[in-house]
Amino acid sequence: MIPFLFTNYASFKAYDLYGNGRISILVSLYIYIILSCFNIYNLNFSLNQTFFFVVPVILAIGAGHMNNINSLAQRNGTYICFMVFVTCGVFGFTIIEKYNTYSLLIFSFCFYFLLMSITSYPKFVSYRGLIPSVFVISFLTILVGGAGQFYVAINRVISISIAGFIGYIALQLVPERYYHSIWFNSTYTLYKRIIDQLRLIIINNSHSIIFYGDCLLKMNNSIDFTKLSKNHHIFKECTLNMNKFHFGIAFAYNNYEMYNRNGCLSNLFNWLENTQSLFSEHKAIPEYYLKKIIKYQYTTPNIDIQNLWKVLYEFTINWNILCQA
């Protein structure tokens, strides 16, 4: 059973490269437990009210942890926007349900058009991806009864508002350092892809060159998750050094014959491959490997590769500080 769980977790980890999904699951479970406690011991809602008390908040948490979310402010804004959209949709569908099918279709079109119009503004354009989920959860209100009853619509709005407020407060209590793992994961993903490309060129003698932009962009964007950290400036320096290293390696791809004289690139590849597991587990790099960088930095005959070793040394020093912190 345990090997099965580890195998499935490894597969999920490979799919969820940056960790947004794993954080989303943990935060959703945490807030679900809190909402369940309030619902059972304090608010005592009916089964229908429980649906509106729990489901919109959990979906909003999921929306706030999608891969395009790159800061706590963006997470909070997405959460609030989702809850406001759903509240309006639930109220409208509950009221309009007592009328005929044509009225329901007209309201559906108007509600969809309204959401599209709102998300056309520059400040809200990033929330356009929320529309399908908002529309579906709002439309589901016609399946739980209470058609056309104003007090039912008000009760549902109150349920969603109270749950949304509780969920928002609970969301602010999630330690910021959990979101630092998104930066670590995106940095390691870029690191691993550099190794894979070097392996293709050096070991497999391949002439195909692949430049990866998604993980580089994710690393640069996820730096916003560290704004409140006391080590924010180190995160920025580490990100800058990784950018320099990536572009330096990319330049070396195109001039492999020149840069690999005397095994310059091969030495670099071996160092990166030997330390890959440490970067994967977000561990500090031992002194032994730091001394190797210093050695190659001064003995490598190519000045450009020397600069790559220098950038790698600065990156590794910053990485160690962040891991130890």
Protein backbone atom coordinates (compact mmCIF):
# COMPACT_ATOMS: atom_id res chain seq x y z
CA MET A 1 0.00 0.00 0.00
CA ILE A 2 2.79 2.42 0.96
CA PRO A 3 4.79 1.88 -2.28
CA PHE A 4 1.55 2.43 -4.21
CA LEU A 5 0.97 5.76 -2.47
CA PHE A 6 4.56 6.86 -3.06
CA THR A 7 4.33 5.92 -6.74
CA ASN A 8 1.11 7.88 -7.20
CA TYR A 9 2.50 10.86 -5.30
CA ALA A 10 5.59 10.84 -7.51
CA SER A 11 3.36 10.82 -10.60
CA PHE A 12 1.27 13.67 -9.21
CA LYS A 13 4.43 15.61 -8.32
CA ALA A 14 5.69 15.18 -11.88
CA TYR A 15 2.38 16.56 -13.17
CA ASP A 16 2.19 19.37 -10.60
CA LEU A 17 5.65 20.74 -11.38
CA TYR A 18 5.44 23.98 -9.45
CA GLY A 19 3.40 22.84 -6.44
CA ASN A 20 0.29 25.00 -6.92
CA GLY A 21 -1.91 21.91 -6.91
CA ARG A 22 -0.41 20.45 -3.74
CA ILE A 23 -0.75 23.75 -1.89
CA SER A 24 -4.33 24.05 -3.17
CA ILE A 25 -5.22 20.62 -1.77
CA LEU A 26 -3.72 21.33 1.65
CA VAL A 27 -5.33 24.77 1.95
CA SER A 28 -8.70 23.43 0.72
CA LEU A 29 -8.68 20.66 3.34
CA TYR A 30 -7.69 23.11 6.06
CA ILE A 31 -10.48 25.55 5.21
CA TYR A 32 -13.01 22.74 4.66
CA ILE A 33 -12.39 21.53 8.23
CA ILE A 34 -12.87 25.07 9.58
CA LEU A 35 -16.11 25.56 7.62
CA SER A 36 -17.39 22.16 8.76
CA CYS A 37 -16.80 23.09 12.40
CA PHE A 38 -18.70 26.37 12.00
CA ASN A 39 -21.50 24.67 10.13
CA ILE A 40 -22.00 21.88 12.68
CA TYR A 41 -21.64 23.75 15.95
CA ASN A 42 -22.65 27.33 15.21
CA LEU A 43 -24.77 27.98 12.16
CA ASN A 44 -26.75 24.73 11.97
CA PHE A 45 -27.77 25.15 8.34
CA SER A 46 -29.96 22.75 6.40
CA LEU A 47 -28.42 20.38 3.86
CA ASN A 48 -29.11 22.81 1.00
CA GLN A 49 -27.61 25.71 2.90
CA THR A 50 -24.55 23.59 3.67
CA PHE A 51 -23.98 23.21 -0.08
CA PHE A 52 -23.80 27.00 -0.48
CA PHE A 53 -21.77 27.36 2.70
CA VAL A 54 -18.97 25.00 1.64
CA VAL A 55 -18.79 24.43 -2.13
CA PRO A 56 -18.30 28.04 -3.39
CA VAL A 57 -15.48 28.67 -0.89
CA ILE A 58 -13.62 25.46 -1.79
CA LEU A 59 -13.93 26.28 -5.50
CA ALA A 60 -12.69 29.81 -4.80
CA ILE A 61 -9.65 28.36 -3.00
CA GLY A 62 -8.93 26.20 -6.03
CA ALA A 63 -9.25 29.21 -8.34
CA GLY A 64 -6.87 31.17 -6.10
CA HIS A 65 -4.15 28.52 -6.48
CA MET A 66 -4.13 27.97 -10.23
CA ASN A 67 -0.81 27.97 -12.08
CA ASN A 68 -1.28 31.54 -13.28
CA ILE A 69 -1.42 32.84 -9.68
CA ASN A 70 1.97 34.35 -8.80
CA SER A 71 1.46 36.41 -5.64
CA LEU A 72 -0.56 36.49 -2.43
CA ALA A 73 -2.32 39.65 -3.62
CA GLN A 74 -3.34 37.88 -6.84
CA ARG A 75 -4.53 34.87 -4.83
CA ASN A 76 -6.67 37.07 -2.56
CA GLY A 77 -8.09 39.07 -5.48
CA THR A 78 -9.05 35.90 -7.35
CA TYR A 79 -10.73 34.49 -4.24
CA ILE A 80 -12.78 37.64 -3.61
CA CYS A 81 -13.74 38.03 -7.26
CA PHE A 82 -14.90 34.40 -7.48
CA MET A 83 -17.03 34.74 -4.34
CA VAL A 84 -18.66 37.98 -5.54
CA PHE A 85 -19.45 36.51 -8.97
CA VAL A 86 -20.93 33.34 -7.43
CA THR A 87 -23.02 35.30 -4.92
CA CYS A 88 -24.60 37.34 -7.70
CA GLY A 89 -25.18 34.25 -9.83
CA VAL A 90 -26.79 32.21 -7.03
CA PHE A 91 -29.13 35.06 -6.07
CA GLY A 92 -30.18 35.63 -9.68
CA PHE A 93 -30.78 31.98 -10.57
CA THR A 94 -32.72 31.37 -7.35
CA ILE A 95 -35.09 34.27 -8.10
CA ILE A 96 -35.53 33.60 -11.82
CA GLU A 97 -36.09 29.86 -11.43
CA LYS A 98 -39.85 30.21 -10.81
CA TYR A 99 -40.38 31.71 -14.26
CA ASN A 100 -40.47 29.85 -17.57
CA THR A 101 -37.55 28.36 -19.50
CA TYR A 102 -37.23 31.41 -21.76
CA SER A 103 -36.71 33.67 -18.74
CA LEU A 104 -34.03 31.32 -17.47
CA LEU A 105 -32.25 31.34 -20.83
CA ILE A 106 -32.44 35.13 -21.08
CA PHE A 107 -31.05 35.56 -17.55
CA SER A 108 -28.27 33.04 -18.29
CA PHE A 109 -27.25 35.01 -21.37
CA CYS A 110 -27.40 38.35 -19.50
CA PHE A 111 -25.38 36.97 -16.56
CA TYR A 112 -22.74 35.53 -18.91
CA PHE A 113 -22.60 38.79 -20.89
CA LEU A 114 -22.22 40.75 -17.63
CA LEU A 115 -19.29 38.60 -16.50
CA MET A 116 -17.62 38.90 -19.89
CA SER A 117 -18.09 42.68 -19.84
CA ILE A 118 -16.63 43.05 -16.34
CA THR A 119 -13.60 40.92 -17.20
CA SER A 120 -12.98 43.05 -20.29
CA TYR A 121 -11.59 45.82 -18.09
CA PRO A 122 -7.78 45.68 -17.72
CA LYS A 123 -7.96 45.29 -13.92
CA PHE A 124 -10.28 42.28 -14.19
CA VAL A 125 -9.07 40.61 -17.38
CA SER A 126 -7.07 38.03 -15.39
CA TYR A 127 -10.34 36.79 -13.84
CA ARG A 128 -11.93 35.76 -17.15
CA GLY A 129 -10.88 32.17 -16.56
CA LEU A 130 -13.24 32.08 -13.55
CA ILE A 131 -16.38 32.47 -15.69
CA PRO A 132 -17.01 28.78 -16.56
CA SER A 133 -16.74 27.64 -12.91
CA VAL A 134 -18.82 30.56 -11.66
CA PHE A 135 -21.50 29.94 -14.25
CA VAL A 136 -21.73 26.20 -13.48
CA ILE A 137 -21.93 26.57 -9.68
CA SER A 138 -24.50 29.35 -10.05
CA PHE A 139 -26.62 27.30 -12.45
CA LEU A 140 -26.61 24.35 -10.03
CA THR A 141 -28.84 26.37 -7.69
CA ILE A 142 -31.87 25.39 -9.77
CA LEU A 143 -31.30 21.74 -8.73
CA VAL A 144 -31.55 22.27 -4.96
CA GLY A 145 -35.05 23.72 -4.65
CA GLY A 146 -36.36 27.01 -3.31
CA ALA A 147 -37.47 28.25 -6.71
CA GLY A 148 -38.36 31.93 -6.84
CA GLN A 149 -38.45 32.44 -3.07
CA PHE A 150 -36.87 35.73 -2.14
CA TYR A 151 -36.06 34.74 1.44
CA VAL A 152 -34.35 31.56 0.18
CA ALA A 153 -32.20 33.66 -2.17
CA ILE A 154 -31.29 36.00 0.71
CA ASN A 155 -30.41 33.06 2.97
CA ARG A 156 -28.14 31.63 0.29
CA VAL A 157 -26.42 34.97 -0.18
CA ILE A 158 -25.91 35.24 3.59
CA SER A 159 -24.53 31.68 3.73
CA ILE A 160 -22.05 32.36 0.92
CA SER A 161 -21.04 35.72 2.42
CA ILE A 162 -20.41 34.32 5.92
CA ALA A 163 -18.51 31.33 4.54
CA GLY A 164 -16.54 33.59 2.22
CA PHE A 165 -15.53 35.83 5.12
CA ILE A 166 -14.49 32.87 7.28
CA GLY A 167 -12.57 31.36 4.36
CA TYR A 168 -10.80 34.65 3.65
CA ILE A 169 -9.66 35.07 7.26
CA ALA A 170 -8.47 31.45 7.35
CA LEU A 171 -6.63 31.99 4.07
CA GLN A 172 -4.65 34.87 5.55
CA LEU A 173 -3.44 32.57 8.34
CA VAL A 174 -1.70 30.21 5.89
CA PRO A 175 2.06 30.81 6.38
CA GLU A 176 3.63 32.64 3.46
CA ARG A 177 6.62 30.28 3.49
CA TYR A 178 4.44 27.50 2.07
CA TYR A 179 4.20 29.51 -1.14
CA HIS A 180 7.99 29.85 -1.30
CA SER A 181 8.02 26.23 -2.48
CA ILE A 182 6.53 27.41 -5.79
CA TRP A 183 9.67 29.47 -6.39
CA PHE A 184 11.93 26.58 -5.31
CA ASN A 185 10.07 24.13 -7.57
CA SER A 186 10.16 26.41 -10.61
CA THR A 187 13.87 27.11 -10.06
CA TYR A 188 14.64 23.40 -9.80
CA THR A 189 12.54 22.67 -12.91
CA LEU A 190 14.63 25.16 -14.90
CA TYR A 191 17.80 23.68 -13.39
CA LYS A 192 16.75 20.16 -14.39
CA ARG A 193 15.91 21.19 -17.94
CA ILE A 194 19.34 22.80 -18.32
CA ILE A 195 20.86 19.46 -17.28
CA ASP A 196 18.64 17.54 -19.71
CA GLN A 197 19.66 19.80 -22.59
CA LEU A 198 23.36 19.47 -21.74
CA ARG A 199 22.94 15.69 -21.58
CA LEU A 200 21.44 15.68 -25.06
CA ILE A 201 24.37 17.66 -26.45
CA ILE A 202 27.28 16.18 -24.49
CA ILE A 203 26.25 12.55 -23.91
CA ASN A 204 23.90 11.87 -26.83
CA ASN A 205 25.71 14.12 -29.37
CA SER A 206 22.35 15.61 -30.36
CA HIS A 207 22.12 18.82 -32.35
CA SER A 208 18.56 19.63 -31.25
CA ILE A 209 18.34 22.67 -28.98
CA ILE A 210 15.22 23.27 -26.89
CA PHE A 211 14.73 26.51 -25.00
CA TYR A 212 12.25 26.31 -22.12
CA GLY A 213 10.33 29.48 -21.38
CA ASP A 214 7.54 28.32 -19.06
CA CYS A 215 9.67 27.44 -16.02
CA LEU A 216 11.85 30.53 -16.49
CA LEU A 217 8.75 32.73 -16.60
CA LYS A 218 7.27 30.93 -13.58
CA MET A 219 10.45 31.42 -11.56
CA ASN A 220 10.56 35.13 -12.38
CA ASN A 221 6.87 35.62 -11.59
CA SER A 222 6.75 33.56 -8.39
CA ILE A 223 9.29 35.87 -6.78
CA ASP A 224 6.25 37.95 -5.79
CA PHE A 225 5.31 35.22 -3.28
CA THR A 226 8.40 36.19 -1.28
CA LYS A 227 7.71 39.92 -0.95
CA LEU A 228 7.01 39.68 2.79
CA SER A 229 10.03 37.48 3.48
CA LYS A 230 13.04 38.93 5.28
CA ASN A 231 15.14 37.19 2.61
CA HIS A 232 13.26 38.76 -0.29
CA HIS A 233 16.41 40.45 -1.61
CA ILE A 234 18.22 37.09 -1.60
CA PHE A 235 15.36 35.50 -3.55
CA LYS A 236 15.72 38.31 -6.10
CA GLU A 237 19.50 37.91 -6.35
CA CYS A 238 19.15 34.15 -6.72
CA THR A 239 16.55 34.62 -9.46
CA LEU A 240 18.78 37.11 -11.29
CA ASN A 241 21.76 34.74 -11.13
CA MET A 242 19.67 31.84 -12.39
CA ASN A 243 18.53 33.99 -15.33
CA LYS A 244 22.16 34.84 -16.14
CA PHE A 245 23.18 31.20 -15.88
CA HIS A 246 20.32 30.01 -18.09
CA PHE A 247 21.06 32.50 -20.86
CA GLY A 248 24.81 31.82 -20.59
CA ILE A 249 24.19 28.10 -21.01
CA ALA A 250 21.80 28.78 -23.91
CA PHE A 251 24.57 30.75 -25.66
CA ALA A 252 26.98 27.89 -25.05
CA TYR A 253 24.53 25.45 -26.73
CA ASN A 254 25.00 27.27 -30.00
CA ASN A 255 28.79 27.28 -29.71
CA TYR A 256 29.31 23.83 -28.28
CA GLU A 257 32.46 22.94 -30.22
CA MET A 258 34.22 26.09 -29.08
CA TYR A 259 33.07 26.03 -25.46
CA ASN A 260 33.67 22.33 -24.79
CA ARG A 261 37.39 22.38 -25.57
CA ASN A 262 39.26 20.59 -22.78
CA GLY A 263 35.92 19.37 -21.44
CA CYS A 264 34.79 22.78 -20.13
CA LEU A 265 31.06 22.13 -20.59
CA SER A 266 31.43 18.47 -19.60
CA ASN A 267 32.82 19.50 -16.20
CA LEU A 268 29.92 21.89 -15.74
CA PHE A 269 27.43 19.21 -16.73
CA ASN A 270 28.94 16.71 -14.27
CA TRP A 271 28.73 19.21 -11.41
CA LEU A 272 25.09 20.03 -12.19
CA GLU A 273 24.14 16.36 -12.49
CA ASN A 274 25.86 15.40 -9.21
CA THR A 275 24.03 18.12 -7.28
CA GLN A 276 20.64 17.62 -8.95
CA SER A 277 19.17 15.56 -6.10
CA LEU A 278 20.13 18.26 -3.57
CA PHE A 279 18.37 20.94 -5.58
CA SER A 280 15.39 18.63 -6.03
CA GLU A 281 14.99 18.25 -2.26
CA HIS A 282 15.66 21.96 -1.62
CA LYS A 283 18.78 21.16 0.39
CA ALA A 284 21.90 23.27 0.90
CA ILE A 285 24.91 22.41 -1.27
CA PRO A 286 27.85 20.96 0.76
CA GLU A 287 31.19 22.73 0.99
CA TYR A 288 32.83 20.04 -1.16
CA TYR A 289 30.85 21.13 -4.22
CA LEU A 290 31.46 24.82 -3.53
CA LYS A 291 35.22 24.19 -3.55
CA LYS A 292 34.86 22.45 -6.91
CA ILE A 293 33.18 25.57 -8.32
CA ILE A 294 36.05 27.74 -7.11
CA LYS A 295 38.56 25.32 -8.62
CA TYR A 296 36.90 25.28 -12.06
CA GLN A 297 36.28 29.02 -11.94
CA TYR A 298 40.04 29.69 -11.99
CA THR A 299 41.31 26.70 -13.99
CA THR A 300 38.84 26.66 -16.89
CA PRO A 301 40.63 27.97 -20.02
CA ASN A 302 37.53 29.61 -21.52
CA ILE A 303 36.64 33.03 -20.05
CA ASP A 304 32.92 32.68 -20.80
CA ILE A 305 32.72 29.33 -19.00
CA GLN A 306 34.65 30.90 -16.11
CA ASN A 307 31.90 33.51 -15.88
CA LEU A 308 29.30 30.73 -15.85
CA TRP A 309 31.09 29.10 -12.89
CA LYS A 310 31.17 32.48 -11.14
CA VAL A 311 27.42 33.01 -11.63
CA LEU A 312 26.78 29.43 -10.48
CA TYR A 313 28.82 30.06 -7.32
CA GLU A 314 26.83 33.21 -6.48
CA PHE A 315 23.58 31.37 -7.16
CA THR A 316 24.63 28.43 -4.96
CA ILE A 317 25.64 30.69 -2.05
CA ASN A 318 22.23 32.39 -2.18
CA TRP A 319 20.48 29.03 -2.54
CA ASN A 320 22.22 27.76 0.63
CA ILE A 321 21.11 30.82 2.57
CA LEU A 322 17.50 30.32 1.51
CA CYS A 323 17.55 26.59 2.28
CA GLN A 324 19.04 27.14 5.73
CA ALA A 325 16.53 29.91 6.45
